[in-house]
Amino acid sequence: MITETAFVPTSLKNDMLFKEVLAHPHNKDKLIYFLSCFTDYGEEYLKKSNLKVTYERQLPKANVKNKTFRGDIIVEFDNITINLECYSTFVDEYLKKSLAYIMRLYSTNLG
């Protein structure tokens, strides 16, 4: 017998599900829609762009002494890098982590 509780949907706030769904090549249309909702890039532009999507990739480092950061999903196109991260809750510690990721991406592109 199947009960209603057997079909509780899993949220994209689940870190592994977030990465598996949006980084999978078969779900490129979902990733494009997601990016178009949170950036100034329209779906048509993103569809024409050569999106390079990598899962759990190390963010670039300026030198070997930099701390290693691993982004959940890294999307690159047209000299743009977007790091998608998933948090089930968002507290001050995660804000600091996100700012560190942003600064790492920014600082490695200065050179």
PDB file of N, CA and C in Angstrom:
ATOM      1  N   MET A   1       0.837  -1.184   0.000  1.00  0.00           N
ATOM      2  CA  MET A   1       0.000   0.000   0.000  1.00  0.00           C
ATOM      3  C   MET A   1       0.881   1.246   0.000  1.00  0.00           C
ATOM      4  N   ILE A   2       0.575   2.195  -0.862  1.00  0.00           N
ATOM      5  CA  ILE A   2       1.336   3.437  -0.961  1.00  0.00           C
ATOM      6  C   ILE A   2       0.560   4.535  -0.264  1.00  0.00           C
ATOM      7  N   THR A   3       1.257   5.273   0.586  1.00  0.00           N
ATOM      8  CA  THR A   3       0.603   6.372   1.305  1.00  0.00           C
ATOM      9  C   THR A   3       1.008   7.701   0.687  1.00  0.00           C
ATOM     10  N   GLU A   4       0.306   8.745   1.039  1.00  0.00           N
ATOM     11  CA  GLU A   4       0.623  10.078   0.527  1.00  0.00           C
ATOM     12  C   GLU A   4       2.028  10.507   0.899  1.00  0.00           C
ATOM     13  N   THR A   5       2.506  10.141   2.076  1.00  0.00           N
ATOM     14  CA  THR A   5       3.829  10.573   2.518  1.00  0.00           C
ATOM     15  C   THR A   5       4.940   9.945   1.683  1.00  0.00           C
ATOM     16  N   ALA A   6       4.644   8.888   0.939  1.00  0.00           N
ATOM     17  CA  ALA A   6       5.663   8.269   0.093  1.00  0.00           C
ATOM     18  C   ALA A   6       6.024   9.165  -1.083  1.00  0.00           C
ATOM     19  N   PHE A   7       5.212  10.171  -1.383  1.00  0.00           N
ATOM     20  CA  PHE A   7       5.438  11.026  -2.537  1.00  0.00           C
ATOM     21  C   PHE A   7       5.777  12.462  -2.161  1.00  0.00           C
ATOM     22  N   VAL A   8       6.438  12.651  -1.056  1.00  0.00           N
ATOM     23  CA  VAL A   8       6.860  13.990  -0.656  1.00  0.00           C
ATOM     24  C   VAL A   8       7.948  14.436  -1.630  1.00  0.00           C
ATOM     25  N   PRO A   9       7.747  15.568  -2.325  1.00  0.00           N
ATOM     26  CA  PRO A   9       8.745  16.001  -3.312  1.00  0.00           C
ATOM     27  C   PRO A   9      10.041  16.434  -2.650  1.00  0.00           C
ATOM     28  N   THR A  10      11.133  16.157  -3.305  1.00  0.00           N
ATOM     29  CA  THR A  10      12.433  16.591  -2.825  1.00  0.00           C
ATOM     30  C   THR A  10      12.718  17.958  -3.428  1.00  0.00           C
ATOM     31  N   SER A  11      13.192  18.856  -2.631  1.00  0.00           N
ATOM     32  CA  SER A  11      13.419  20.231  -3.050  1.00  0.00           C
ATOM     33  C   SER A  11      14.764  20.393  -3.736  1.00  0.00           C
ATOM     34  N   LEU A  12      14.847  21.369  -4.642  1.00  0.00           N
ATOM     35  CA  LEU A  12      16.143  21.710  -5.241  1.00  0.00           C
ATOM     36  C   LEU A  12      17.071  22.341  -4.208  1.00  0.00           C
ATOM     37  N   LYS A  13      16.555  22.583  -2.990  1.00  0.00           N
ATOM     38  CA  LYS A  13      17.424  23.067  -1.924  1.00  0.00           C
ATOM     39  C   LYS A  13      18.307  21.947  -1.395  1.00  0.00           C
ATOM     40  N   ASN A  14      18.076  20.721  -1.840  1.00  0.00           N
ATOM     41  CA  ASN A  14      18.965  19.618  -1.517  1.00  0.00           C
ATOM     42  C   ASN A  14      20.207  19.780  -2.385  1.00  0.00           C
ATOM     43  N   ASP A  15      21.368  19.909  -1.768  1.00  0.00           N
ATOM     44  CA  ASP A  15      22.613  20.217  -2.459  1.00  0.00           C
ATOM     45  C   ASP A  15      22.915  19.242  -3.598  1.00  0.00           C
ATOM     46  N   MET A  16      22.831  17.955  -3.348  1.00  0.00           N
ATOM     47  CA  MET A  16      23.160  16.968  -4.375  1.00  0.00           C
ATOM     48  C   MET A  16      22.152  17.003  -5.515  1.00  0.00           C
ATOM     49  N   LEU A  17      20.881  17.126  -5.203  1.00  0.00           N
ATOM     50  CA  LEU A  17      19.860  17.180  -6.240  1.00  0.00           C
ATOM     51  C   LEU A  17      20.040  18.428  -7.102  1.00  0.00           C
ATOM     52  N   PHE A  18      20.318  19.551  -6.467  1.00  0.00           N
ATOM     53  CA  PHE A  18      20.571  20.799  -7.181  1.00  0.00           C
ATOM     54  C   PHE A  18      21.676  20.616  -8.215  1.00  0.00           C
ATOM     55  N   LYS A  19      22.802  20.040  -7.764  1.00  0.00           N
ATOM     56  CA  LYS A  19      23.946  19.845  -8.664  1.00  0.00           C
ATOM     57  C   LYS A  19      23.636  18.835  -9.756  1.00  0.00           C
ATOM     58  N   GLU A  20      23.022  17.731  -9.390  1.00  0.00           N
ATOM     59  CA  GLU A  20      22.733  16.677 -10.363  1.00  0.00           C
ATOM     60  C   GLU A  20      21.754  17.146 -11.431  1.00  0.00           C
ATOM     61  N   VAL A  21      20.738  17.893 -11.035  1.00  0.00           N
ATOM     62  CA  VAL A  21      19.725  18.343 -11.995  1.00  0.00           C
ATOM     63  C   VAL A  21      20.281  19.429 -12.907  1.00  0.00           C
ATOM     64  N   LEU A  22      20.826  20.502 -12.342  1.00  0.00           N
ATOM     65  CA  LEU A  22      21.225  21.634 -13.164  1.00  0.00           C
ATOM     66  C   LEU A  22      22.536  21.436 -13.920  1.00  0.00           C
ATOM     67  N   ALA A  23      23.397  20.540 -13.478  1.00  0.00           N
ATOM     68  CA  ALA A  23      24.667  20.327 -14.182  1.00  0.00           C
ATOM     69  C   ALA A  23      24.581  19.230 -15.236  1.00  0.00           C
ATOM     70  N   HIS A  24      23.523  18.458 -15.234  1.00  0.00           N
ATOM     71  CA  HIS A  24      23.413  17.341 -16.182  1.00  0.00           C
ATOM     72  C   HIS A  24      23.130  17.869 -17.591  1.00  0.00           C
ATOM     73  N   PRO A  25      23.860  17.382 -18.597  1.00  0.00           N
ATOM     74  CA  PRO A  25      23.669  17.863 -19.978  1.00  0.00           C
ATOM     75  C   PRO A  25      22.240  17.733 -20.499  1.00  0.00           C
ATOM     76  N   HIS A  26      21.504  16.725 -20.055  1.00  0.00           N
ATOM     77  CA  HIS A  26      20.131  16.550 -20.511  1.00  0.00           C
ATOM     78  C   HIS A  26      19.186  17.624 -19.962  1.00  0.00           C
ATOM     79  N   ASN A  27      19.634  18.357 -18.965  1.00  0.00           N
ATOM     80  CA  ASN A  27      18.805  19.396 -18.349  1.00  0.00           C
ATOM     81  C   ASN A  27      19.288  20.804 -18.692  1.00  0.00           C
ATOM     82  N   LYS A  28      19.983  20.928 -19.805  1.00  0.00           N
ATOM     83  CA  LYS A  28      20.530  22.229 -20.195  1.00  0.00           C
ATOM     84  C   LYS A  28      19.427  23.288 -20.303  1.00  0.00           C
ATOM     85  N   ASP A  29      18.251  22.909 -20.787  1.00  0.00           N
ATOM     86  CA  ASP A  29      17.148  23.865 -20.900  1.00  0.00           C
ATOM     87  C   ASP A  29      16.709  24.381 -19.529  1.00  0.00           C
ATOM     88  N   LYS A  30      16.752  23.520 -18.514  1.00  0.00           N
ATOM     89  CA  LYS A  30      16.394  23.941 -17.152  1.00  0.00           C
ATOM     90  C   LYS A  30      17.451  24.898 -16.590  1.00  0.00           C
ATOM     91  N   LEU A  31      18.725  24.599 -16.859  1.00  0.00           N
ATOM     92  CA  LEU A  31      19.803  25.482 -16.422  1.00  0.00           C
ATOM     93  C   LEU A  31      19.676  26.843 -17.102  1.00  0.00           C
ATOM     94  N   ILE A  32      19.411  26.842 -18.391  1.00  0.00           N
ATOM     95  CA  ILE A  32      19.257  28.098 -19.130  1.00  0.00           C
ATOM     96  C   ILE A  32      18.097  28.909 -18.572  1.00  0.00           C
ATOM     97  N   TYR A  33      16.985  28.274 -18.290  1.00  0.00           N
ATOM     98  CA  TYR A  33      15.843  28.975 -17.698  1.00  0.00           C
ATOM     99  C   TYR A  33      16.227  29.555 -16.330  1.00  0.00           C
ATOM    100  N   PHE A  34      16.887  28.750 -15.504  1.00  0.00           N
ATOM    101  CA  PHE A  34      17.324  29.176 -14.172  1.00  0.00           C
ATOM    102  C   PHE A  34      18.234  30.404 -14.282  1.00  0.00           C
ATOM    103  N   LEU A  35      19.232  30.336 -15.181  1.00  0.00           N
ATOM    104  CA  LEU A  35      20.158  31.458 -15.348  1.00  0.00           C
ATOM    105  C   LEU A  35      19.441  32.709 -15.854  1.00  0.00           C
ATOM    106  N   SER A  36      18.504  32.534 -16.764  1.00  0.00           N
ATOM    107  CA  SER A  36      17.796  33.694 -17.309  1.00  0.00           C
ATOM    108  C   SER A  36      16.940  34.382 -16.244  1.00  0.00           C
ATOM    109  N   CYS A  37      16.490  33.629 -15.256  1.00  0.00           N
ATOM    110  CA  CYS A  37      15.694  34.211 -14.161  1.00  0.00           C
ATOM    111  C   CYS A  37      16.529  35.059 -13.216  1.00  0.00           C
ATOM    112  N   PHE A  38      17.824  34.751 -13.101  1.00  0.00           N
ATOM    113  CA  PHE A  38      18.662  35.412 -12.101  1.00  0.00           C
ATOM    114  C   PHE A  38      19.774  36.268 -12.691  1.00  0.00           C
ATOM    115  N   THR A  39      19.816  36.382 -14.011  1.00  0.00           N
ATOM    116  CA  THR A  39      20.828  37.228 -14.653  1.00  0.00           C
ATOM    117  C   THR A  39      20.139  38.117 -15.682  1.00  0.00           C
ATOM    118  N   ASP A  40      20.899  38.963 -16.329  1.00  0.00           N
ATOM    119  CA  ASP A  40      20.362  39.819 -17.390  1.00  0.00           C
ATOM    120  C   ASP A  40      20.411  39.137 -18.756  1.00  0.00           C
ATOM    121  N   TYR A  41      20.830  37.880 -18.797  1.00  0.00           N
ATOM    122  CA  TYR A  41      20.929  37.165 -20.064  1.00  0.00           C
ATOM    123  C   TYR A  41      19.613  36.442 -20.355  1.00  0.00           C
ATOM    124  N   GLY A  42      19.067  36.688 -21.536  1.00  0.00           N
ATOM    125  CA  GLY A  42      17.818  36.045 -21.922  1.00  0.00           C
ATOM    126  C   GLY A  42      18.035  34.596 -22.331  1.00  0.00           C
ATOM    127  N   GLU A  43      16.960  33.835 -22.327  1.00  0.00           N
ATOM    128  CA  GLU A  43      17.039  32.419 -22.694  1.00  0.00           C
ATOM    129  C   GLU A  43      17.586  32.230 -24.102  1.00  0.00           C
ATOM    130  N   GLU A  44      17.157  33.049 -25.062  1.00  0.00           N
ATOM    131  CA  GLU A  44      17.617  32.894 -26.442  1.00  0.00           C
ATOM    132  C   GLU A  44      19.125  33.132 -26.544  1.00  0.00           C
ATOM    133  N   TYR A  45      19.620  34.149 -25.835  1.00  0.00           N
ATOM    134  CA  TYR A  45      21.053  34.428 -25.842  1.00  0.00           C
ATOM    135  C   TYR A  45      21.828  33.245 -25.250  1.00  0.00           C
ATOM    136  N   LEU A  46      21.353  32.731 -24.125  1.00  0.00           N
ATOM    137  CA  LEU A  46      22.041  31.614 -23.476  1.00  0.00           C
ATOM    138  C   LEU A  46      21.997  30.348 -24.328  1.00  0.00           C
ATOM    139  N   LYS A  47      20.896  30.137 -25.036  1.00  0.00           N
ATOM    140  CA  LYS A  47      20.799  28.964 -25.903  1.00  0.00           C
ATOM    141  C   LYS A  47      21.826  29.026 -27.023  1.00  0.00           C
ATOM    142  N   LYS A  48      22.136  30.229 -27.505  1.00  0.00           N
ATOM    143  CA  LYS A  48      23.110  30.399 -28.586  1.00  0.00           C
ATOM    144  C   LYS A  48      24.550  30.407 -28.070  1.00  0.00           C
ATOM    145  N   SER A  49      24.724  30.639 -26.789  1.00  0.00           N
ATOM    146  CA  SER A  49      26.068  30.688 -26.197  1.00  0.00           C
ATOM    147  C   SER A  49      26.596  29.273 -26.004  1.00  0.00           C
ATOM    148  N   ASN A  50      27.885  29.157 -26.064  1.00  0.00           N
ATOM    149  CA  ASN A  50      28.525  27.869 -25.824  1.00  0.00           C
ATOM    150  C   ASN A  50      28.762  27.732 -24.320  1.00  0.00           C
ATOM    151  N   LEU A  51      27.755  27.231 -23.602  1.00  0.00           N
ATOM    152  CA  LEU A  51      27.862  27.104 -22.147  1.00  0.00           C
ATOM    153  C   LEU A  51      28.758  25.925 -21.795  1.00  0.00           C
ATOM    154  N   LYS A  52      29.786  26.209 -21.016  1.00  0.00           N
ATOM    155  CA  LYS A  52      30.636  25.144 -20.474  1.00  0.00           C
ATOM    156  C   LYS A  52      30.209  24.975 -19.019  1.00  0.00           C
ATOM    157  N   VAL A  53      29.632  23.823 -18.710  1.00  0.00           N
ATOM    158  CA  VAL A  53      29.086  23.570 -17.380  1.00  0.00           C
ATOM    159  C   VAL A  53      29.915  22.479 -16.712  1.00  0.00           C
ATOM    160  N   THR A  54      30.459  22.785 -15.544  1.00  0.00           N
ATOM    161  CA  THR A  54      31.223  21.777 -14.799  1.00  0.00           C
ATOM    162  C   THR A  54      30.661  21.647 -13.393  1.00  0.00           C
ATOM    163  N   TYR A  55      30.732  20.456 -12.890  1.00  0.00           N
ATOM    164  CA  TYR A  55      30.135  20.053 -11.623  1.00  0.00           C
ATOM    165  C   TYR A  55      31.239  19.912 -10.584  1.00  0.00           C
ATOM    166  N   GLU A  56      31.061  20.550  -9.429  1.00  0.00           N
ATOM    167  CA  GLU A  56      32.022  20.445  -8.327  1.00  0.00           C
ATOM    168  C   GLU A  56      33.453  20.705  -8.793  1.00  0.00           C
ATOM    169  N   ARG A  57      33.674  21.865  -9.363  1.00  0.00           N
ATOM    170  CA  ARG A  57      35.001  22.192  -9.868  1.00  0.00           C
ATOM    171  C   ARG A  57      35.706  23.173  -8.947  1.00  0.00           C
ATOM    172  N   GLN A  58      37.007  23.019  -8.878  1.00  0.00           N
ATOM    173  CA  GLN A  58      37.818  23.951  -8.099  1.00  0.00           C
ATOM    174  C   GLN A  58      37.806  25.308  -8.790  1.00  0.00           C
ATOM    175  N   LEU A  59      37.610  26.363  -8.006  1.00  0.00           N
ATOM    176  CA  LEU A  59      37.666  27.710  -8.556  1.00  0.00           C
ATOM    177  C   LEU A  59      39.115  28.059  -8.832  1.00  0.00           C
ATOM    178  N   PRO A  60      39.370  28.866  -9.855  1.00  0.00           N
ATOM    179  CA  PRO A  60      40.761  29.207 -10.190  1.00  0.00           C
ATOM    180  C   PRO A  60      41.475  29.891  -9.030  1.00  0.00           C
ATOM    181  N   LYS A  61      42.782  29.637  -8.936  1.00  0.00           N
ATOM    182  CA  LYS A  61      43.598  30.235  -7.883  1.00  0.00           C
ATOM    183  C   LYS A  61      44.664  31.110  -8.530  1.00  0.00           C
ATOM    184  N   ALA A  62      44.969  32.234  -7.896  1.00  0.00           N
ATOM    185  CA  ALA A  62      46.009  33.123  -8.401  1.00  0.00           C
ATOM    186  C   ALA A  62      47.392  32.530  -8.157  1.00  0.00           C
ATOM    187  N   ASN A  63      47.521  31.776  -7.051  1.00  0.00           N
ATOM    188  CA  ASN A  63      48.790  31.093  -6.781  1.00  0.00           C
ATOM    189  C   ASN A  63      48.527  29.881  -5.885  1.00  0.00           C
ATOM    190  N   VAL A  64      49.535  29.056  -5.697  1.00  0.00           N
ATOM    191  CA  VAL A  64      49.354  27.801  -4.961  1.00  0.00           C
ATOM    192  C   VAL A  64      49.057  28.014  -3.482  1.00  0.00           C
ATOM    193  N   LYS A  65      49.322  29.193  -2.947  1.00  0.00           N
ATOM    194  CA  LYS A  65      49.064  29.462  -1.534  1.00  0.00           C
ATOM    195  C   LYS A  65      47.606  29.789  -1.245  1.00  0.00           C
ATOM    196  N   ASN A  66      46.811  30.062  -2.298  1.00  0.00           N
ATOM    197  CA  ASN A  66      45.392  30.363  -2.093  1.00  0.00           C
ATOM    198  C   ASN A  66      44.653  29.149  -1.560  1.00  0.00           C
ATOM    199  N   LYS A  67      43.682  29.401  -0.703  1.00  0.00           N
ATOM    200  CA  LYS A  67      42.818  28.336  -0.206  1.00  0.00           C
ATOM    201  C   LYS A  67      42.004  27.774  -1.377  1.00  0.00           C
ATOM    202  N   THR A  68      41.787  26.480  -1.372  1.00  0.00           N
ATOM    203  CA  THR A  68      41.011  25.846  -2.434  1.00  0.00           C
ATOM    204  C   THR A  68      39.526  25.985  -2.154  1.00  0.00           C
ATOM    205  N   PHE A  69      38.790  26.481  -3.143  1.00  0.00           N
ATOM    206  CA  PHE A  69      37.332  26.569  -3.095  1.00  0.00           C
ATOM    207  C   PHE A  69      36.784  25.694  -4.212  1.00  0.00           C
ATOM    208  N   ARG A  70      35.739  24.947  -3.932  1.00  0.00           N
ATOM    209  CA  ARG A  70      35.085  24.136  -4.950  1.00  0.00           C
ATOM    210  C   ARG A  70      33.670  24.657  -5.152  1.00  0.00           C
ATOM    211  N   GLY A  71      33.376  25.070  -6.372  1.00  0.00           N
ATOM    212  CA  GLY A  71      32.040  25.555  -6.692  1.00  0.00           C
ATOM    213  C   GLY A  71      31.104  24.395  -6.980  1.00  0.00           C
ATOM    214  N   ASP A  72      29.841  24.518  -6.595  1.00  0.00           N
ATOM    215  CA  ASP A  72      28.858  23.467  -6.878  1.00  0.00           C
ATOM    216  C   ASP A  72      28.707  23.265  -8.378  1.00  0.00           C
ATOM    217  N   ILE A  73      28.364  24.331  -9.088  1.00  0.00           N
ATOM    218  CA  ILE A  73      28.236  24.292 -10.547  1.00  0.00           C
ATOM    219  C   ILE A  73      28.899  25.552 -11.089  1.00  0.00           C
ATOM    220  N   ILE A  74      29.832  25.374 -12.017  1.00  0.00           N
ATOM    221  CA  ILE A  74      30.492  26.507 -12.662  1.00  0.00           C
ATOM    222  C   ILE A  74      30.002  26.564 -14.102  1.00  0.00           C
ATOM    223  N   VAL A  75      29.486  27.722 -14.503  1.00  0.00           N
ATOM    224  CA  VAL A  75      29.016  27.926 -15.875  1.00  0.00           C
ATOM    225  C   VAL A  75      29.882  29.017 -16.492  1.00  0.00           C
ATOM    226  N   GLU A  76      30.482  28.715 -17.639  1.00  0.00           N
ATOM    227  CA  GLU A  76      31.334  29.684 -18.326  1.00  0.00           C
ATOM    228  C   GLU A  76      30.839  29.892 -19.749  1.00  0.00           C
ATOM    229  N   PHE A  77      30.828  31.146 -20.177  1.00  0.00           N
ATOM    230  CA  PHE A  77      30.493  31.508 -21.550  1.00  0.00           C
ATOM    231  C   PHE A  77      30.888  32.964 -21.774  1.00  0.00           C
ATOM    232  N   ASP A  78      31.320  33.291 -22.983  1.00  0.00           N
ATOM    233  CA  ASP A  78      31.630  34.677 -23.370  1.00  0.00           C
ATOM    234  C   ASP A  78      32.469  35.421 -22.329  1.00  0.00           C
ATOM    235  N   ASN A  79      33.529  34.826 -21.828  1.00  0.00           N
ATOM    236  CA  ASN A  79      34.396  35.429 -20.800  1.00  0.00           C
ATOM    237  C   ASN A  79      33.658  35.756 -19.509  1.00  0.00           C
ATOM    238  N   ILE A  80      32.591  35.018 -19.239  1.00  0.00           N
ATOM    239  CA  ILE A  80      31.799  35.181 -18.016  1.00  0.00           C
ATOM    240  C   ILE A  80      31.848  33.873 -17.248  1.00  0.00           C
ATOM    241  N   THR A  81      32.022  33.967 -15.945  1.00  0.00           N
ATOM    242  CA  THR A  81      31.991  32.792 -15.081  1.00  0.00           C
ATOM    243  C   THR A  81      30.913  32.994 -14.034  1.00  0.00           C
ATOM    244  N   ILE A  82      30.027  32.002 -13.931  1.00  0.00           N
ATOM    245  CA  ILE A  82      28.969  32.040 -12.924  1.00  0.00           C
ATOM    246  C   ILE A  82      29.140  30.817 -12.034  1.00  0.00           C
ATOM    247  N   ASN A  83      29.190  31.047 -10.735  1.00  0.00           N
ATOM    248  CA  ASN A  83      29.286  29.961  -9.758  1.00  0.00           C
ATOM    249  C   ASN A  83      27.924  29.821  -9.086  1.00  0.00           C
ATOM    250  N   LEU A  84      27.268  28.692  -9.307  1.00  0.00           N
ATOM    251  CA  LEU A  84      25.975  28.429  -8.679  1.00  0.00           C
ATOM    252  C   LEU A  84      26.195  27.591  -7.425  1.00  0.00           C
ATOM    253  N   GLU A  85      25.708  28.075  -6.307  1.00  0.00           N
ATOM    254  CA  GLU A  85      25.830  27.378  -5.034  1.00  0.00           C
ATOM    255  C   GLU A  85      24.440  27.109  -4.479  1.00  0.00           C
ATOM    256  N   CYS A  86      24.316  26.030  -3.728  1.00  0.00           N
ATOM    257  CA  CYS A  86      23.038  25.676  -3.125  1.00  0.00           C
ATOM    258  C   CYS A  86      23.171  25.687  -1.605  1.00  0.00           C
ATOM    259  N   TYR A  87      22.264  26.384  -0.956  1.00  0.00           N
ATOM    260  CA  TYR A  87      22.202  26.403   0.500  1.00  0.00           C
ATOM    261  C   TYR A  87      20.783  26.053   0.915  1.00  0.00           C
ATOM    262  N   SER A  88      20.629  25.129   1.849  1.00  0.00           N
ATOM    263  CA  SER A  88      19.285  24.800   2.335  1.00  0.00           C
ATOM    264  C   SER A  88      18.787  25.852   3.320  1.00  0.00           C
ATOM    265  N   THR A  89      19.719  26.533   3.962  1.00  0.00           N
ATOM    266  CA  THR A  89      19.416  27.692   4.798  1.00  0.00           C
ATOM    267  C   THR A  89      20.477  28.731   4.481  1.00  0.00           C
ATOM    268  N   PHE A  90      20.244  29.954   4.856  1.00  0.00           N
ATOM    269  CA  PHE A  90      21.242  30.987   4.562  1.00  0.00           C
ATOM    270  C   PHE A  90      21.486  31.800   5.812  1.00  0.00           C
ATOM    271  N   VAL A  91      22.659  31.614   6.371  1.00  0.00           N
ATOM    272  CA  VAL A  91      23.053  32.323   7.593  1.00  0.00           C
ATOM    273  C   VAL A  91      24.285  33.160   7.282  1.00  0.00           C
ATOM    274  N   ASP A  92      24.716  33.947   8.239  1.00  0.00           N
ATOM    275  CA  ASP A  92      25.846  34.855   8.060  1.00  0.00           C
ATOM    276  C   ASP A  92      27.104  34.119   7.564  1.00  0.00           C
ATOM    277  N   GLU A  93      27.348  32.932   8.065  1.00  0.00           N
ATOM    278  CA  GLU A  93      28.519  32.148   7.651  1.00  0.00           C
ATOM    279  C   GLU A  93      28.488  31.864   6.146  1.00  0.00           C
ATOM    280  N   TYR A  94      27.303  31.564   5.609  1.00  0.00           N
ATOM    281  CA  TYR A  94      27.178  31.264   4.181  1.00  0.00           C
ATOM    282  C   TYR A  94      27.307  32.524   3.336  1.00  0.00           C
ATOM    283  N   LEU A  95      26.895  33.653   3.888  1.00  0.00           N
ATOM    284  CA  LEU A  95      27.094  34.912   3.186  1.00  0.00           C
ATOM    285  C   LEU A  95      28.599  35.169   3.026  1.00  0.00           C
ATOM    286  N   LYS A  96      29.351  34.952   4.085  1.00  0.00           N
ATOM    287  CA  LYS A  96      30.810  35.139   4.023  1.00  0.00           C
ATOM    288  C   LYS A  96      31.437  34.167   3.027  1.00  0.00           C
ATOM    289  N   LYS A  97      30.971  32.934   3.013  1.00  0.00           N
ATOM    290  CA  LYS A  97      31.477  31.940   2.067  1.00  0.00           C
ATOM    291  C   LYS A  97      31.186  32.379   0.633  1.00  0.00           C
ATOM    292  N   SER A  98      29.979  32.836   0.391  1.00  0.00           N
ATOM    293  CA  SER A  98      29.600  33.290  -0.956  1.00  0.00           C
ATOM    294  C   SER A  98      30.439  34.495  -1.386  1.00  0.00           C
ATOM    295  N   LEU A  99      30.653  35.431  -0.482  1.00  0.00           N
ATOM    296  CA  LEU A  99      31.481  36.592  -0.805  1.00  0.00           C
ATOM    297  C   LEU A  99      32.917  36.175  -1.099  1.00  0.00           C
ATOM    298  N   ALA A 100      33.433  35.190  -0.387  1.00  0.00           N
ATOM    299  CA  ALA A 100      34.783  34.684  -0.655  1.00  0.00           C
ATOM    300  C   ALA A 100      34.843  34.076  -2.055  1.00  0.00           C
ATOM    301  N   TYR A 101      33.824  33.328  -2.447  1.00  0.00           N
ATOM    302  CA  TYR A 101      33.768  32.744  -3.794  1.00  0.00           C
ATOM    303  C   TYR A 101      33.741  33.842  -4.854  1.00  0.00           C
ATOM    304  N   ILE A 102      32.916  34.868  -4.627  1.00  0.00           N
ATOM    305  CA  ILE A 102      32.815  35.972  -5.581  1.00  0.00           C
ATOM    306  C   ILE A 102      34.158  36.671  -5.723  1.00  0.00           C
ATOM    307  N   MET A 103      34.807  36.952  -4.617  1.00  0.00           N
ATOM    308  CA  MET A 103      36.091  37.644  -4.652  1.00  0.00           C
ATOM    309  C   MET A 103      37.167  36.781  -5.326  1.00  0.00           C
ATOM    310  N   ARG A 104      37.118  35.475  -5.126  1.00  0.00           N
ATOM    311  CA  ARG A 104      38.086  34.591  -5.791  1.00  0.00           C
ATOM    312  C   ARG A 104      37.901  34.654  -7.303  1.00  0.00           C
ATOM    313  N   LEU A 105      36.662  34.544  -7.760  1.00  0.00           N
ATOM    314  CA  LEU A 105      36.418  34.615  -9.205  1.00  0.00           C
ATOM    315  C   LEU A 105      36.831  35.965  -9.768  1.00  0.00           C
ATOM    316  N   TYR A 106      36.518  37.021  -9.055  1.00  0.00           N
ATOM    317  CA  TYR A 106      36.859  38.367  -9.512  1.00  0.00           C
ATOM    318  C   TYR A 106      38.371  38.563  -9.537  1.00  0.00           C
ATOM    319  N   SER A 107      39.047  38.198  -8.479  1.00  0.00           N
ATOM    320  CA  SER A 107      40.487  38.471  -8.379  1.00  0.00           C
ATOM    321  C   SER A 107      41.305  37.643  -9.371  1.00  0.00           C
ATOM    322  N   THR A 108      40.877  36.437  -9.695  1.00  0.00           N
ATOM    323  CA  THR A 108      41.648  35.644 -10.658  1.00  0.00           C
ATOM    324  C   THR A 108      41.438  36.116 -12.086  1.00  0.00           C
ATOM    325  N   ASN A 109      40.427  36.945 -12.329  1.00  0.00           N
ATOM    326  CA  ASN A 109      40.205  37.483 -13.671  1.00  0.00           C
ATOM    327  C   ASN A 109      40.800  38.874 -13.857  1.00  0.00           C
ATOM    328  N   LEU A 110      41.476  39.401 -12.854  1.00  0.00           N
ATOM    329  CA  LEU A 110      42.056  40.733 -12.953  1.00  0.00           C
ATOM    330  C   LEU A 110      43.310  40.761 -13.812  1.00  0.00           C
ATOM    331  N   GLY A 111      44.068  39.672 -13.787  1.00  0.00           N
ATOM    332  CA  GLY A 111      45.379  39.610 -14.392  1.00  0.00           C
ATOM    333  C   GLY A 111      45.450  39.784 -15.842  1.00  0.00           C
TER     334      GLY A 111
END
